[in-house]
Each structure stands twice: as C-alpha cells, then as structure tokens.
Amino acid sequence: LHLCDRRQRQMCKETGIRFTKKKIKIKSGNSKKLKLTTRPSISKEKATFVSSDTDIVQVDSKGRITAGFIGTATITARISNGKIAKCRVEVRAPGSNKKQKD
C-alpha cells in the first residue's frame, strides 16, 4: 500500500528524516529539544515522537525531551510515509560530570 498519489510519489519516496545527533546525554530533571531534519528540506512532514521508556525520558509532540530516572531510552520519530529516525538518550545523575576521576 502506497501512501502517496501518483504526482507525489517521487517526493514521497525521497522524503526521509533523521535526528541531527544519534546519541545525547542529559542530566536528570533537565529538558532539551531534539533537532530533526527532513529530506528534502522543503518537506512539511510533521513527525510523531515516542519514548521507549517514559520513566527515563518523556517526549512531547514537538520533540522536547524531559529527563527522568537515570538510564537509557530511545526516542523514535515517525513521519506519515513510515520513515523513522532514532536518538539514544542517556540520562545521568544531576551532579555527574562528563569525565570521571580515577
């Protein structure tokens, strides 16, 4: 089943999405908007967002994440033609640094 009419078929086949970063780290309690790009850039596709674990990270309809419990979850964005993009989110403790001391 193809979701595009005949005139839109070529553009629909080429429409894709991706997050600008495949992995991010965020501290528990913080929020951040994930950046999503579409190809071609003229596409007006709206993505839907889902978290693999809402206890670790929640995501709203605009791609803004809020970190909860410490752990790792995946945010998946999907557009109407079925194309998806994934971003792995690692939630860290509020006081943690990037580098650990030995």
Protein backbone atom coordinates (compact mmCIF):
# COMPACT_ATOMS: atom_id res chain seq x y z
CA LEU A 1 0.00 0.00 0.00
CA HIS A 2 1.48 3.31 -1.08
CA LEU A 3 0.52 6.44 0.85
CA CYS A 4 1.16 8.92 -2.00
CA ASP A 5 -0.90 9.77 -5.05
CA ARG A 6 0.74 9.50 -8.46
CA ARG A 7 2.00 13.12 -8.63
CA GLN A 8 3.54 12.99 -5.16
CA ARG A 9 5.06 9.53 -5.47
CA GLN A 10 8.61 10.64 -6.32
CA MET A 11 8.76 13.20 -3.50
CA CYS A 12 7.22 10.76 -1.05
CA LYS A 13 9.85 8.13 -1.84
CA GLU A 14 12.60 10.65 -1.22
CA THR A 15 11.17 12.06 1.99
CA GLY A 16 13.14 10.89 4.98
CA ILE A 17 14.02 12.06 8.47
CA ARG A 18 16.94 11.95 10.84
CA PHE A 19 17.96 13.42 14.16
CA THR A 20 20.95 15.76 14.00
CA LYS A 21 22.50 13.64 16.79
CA LYS A 22 22.07 9.88 17.16
CA LYS A 23 23.08 9.90 20.85
CA ILE A 24 22.76 12.55 23.54
CA LYS A 25 23.43 12.78 27.26
CA ILE A 26 21.23 14.81 29.57
CA LYS A 27 21.06 15.24 33.33
CA SER A 28 18.01 14.05 35.25
CA GLY A 29 15.42 16.82 35.61
CA ASN A 30 16.63 18.76 32.53
CA SER A 31 14.81 19.34 29.24
CA LYS A 32 16.05 19.74 25.69
CA LYS A 33 14.53 19.97 22.21
CA LEU A 34 15.75 17.30 19.81
CA LYS A 35 16.54 18.58 16.32
CA LEU A 36 15.03 16.63 13.46
CA THR A 37 15.73 17.21 9.78
CA THR A 38 13.69 16.08 6.80
CA ARG A 39 14.88 15.26 3.30
CA PRO A 40 14.13 17.02 1.07
CA SER A 41 14.31 20.11 3.26
CA ILE A 42 11.17 21.53 1.60
CA SER A 43 9.11 18.71 3.06
CA LYS A 44 6.48 19.88 5.53
CA GLU A 45 6.18 16.47 7.20
CA LYS A 46 5.22 16.54 10.86
CA ALA A 47 6.76 13.80 12.96
CA THR A 48 5.25 11.94 15.88
CA PHE A 49 7.59 11.14 18.77
CA VAL A 50 7.64 8.14 21.13
CA SER A 51 9.92 7.21 24.04
CA SER A 52 10.91 3.60 24.61
CA ASP A 53 10.78 4.21 28.39
CA THR A 54 8.80 7.18 29.70
CA ASP A 55 10.20 6.69 33.22
CA ILE A 56 13.65 7.56 31.86
CA VAL A 57 12.77 10.20 29.28
CA GLN A 58 9.48 11.72 28.17
CA VAL A 59 8.97 13.44 24.81
CA ASP A 60 6.25 15.85 23.73
CA SER A 61 4.64 16.30 20.31
CA LYS A 62 7.31 18.84 19.29
CA GLY A 63 10.32 16.66 20.17
CA ARG A 64 11.14 18.28 23.51
CA ILE A 65 12.50 15.70 25.95
CA THR A 66 12.43 15.76 29.74
CA ALA A 67 14.85 13.52 31.59
CA GLY A 68 13.51 11.44 34.47
CA PHE A 69 15.20 8.44 36.07
CA ILE A 70 18.83 7.58 35.34
CA GLY A 71 19.19 5.16 32.45
CA THR A 72 19.00 4.92 28.68
CA ALA A 73 15.96 5.16 26.40
CA THR A 74 15.39 5.63 22.68
CA ILE A 75 13.28 8.39 21.14
CA THR A 76 11.69 7.38 17.84
CA ALA A 77 10.30 9.91 15.36
CA ARG A 78 7.98 8.74 12.58
CA ILE A 79 6.52 10.55 9.57
CA SER A 80 3.43 9.63 7.55
CA ASN A 81 5.28 7.56 4.91
CA GLY A 82 6.57 5.24 7.66
CA LYS A 83 10.15 6.54 7.73
CA ILE A 84 11.66 6.66 11.21
CA ALA A 85 14.62 8.20 12.99
CA LYS A 86 16.02 7.18 16.37
CA CYS A 87 18.01 9.01 19.02
CA ARG A 88 19.51 7.25 22.05
CA VAL A 89 19.18 9.33 25.22
CA GLU A 90 21.35 8.65 28.25
CA VAL A 91 20.05 10.24 31.44
CA ARG A 92 22.71 10.92 34.05
CA ALA A 93 22.61 11.98 37.69
CA PRO A 94 22.22 15.76 38.16
CA GLY A 95 25.71 16.22 39.64
CA SER A 96 27.62 13.92 37.26
CA ASN A 97 30.45 15.18 35.07
CA LYS A 98 31.42 14.03 31.57
CA LYS A 99 34.71 12.60 32.84
CA GLN A 100 35.11 10.51 35.94
CA LYS A 101 38.15 10.85 38.17
CA ASP A 102 40.32 7.76 38.65
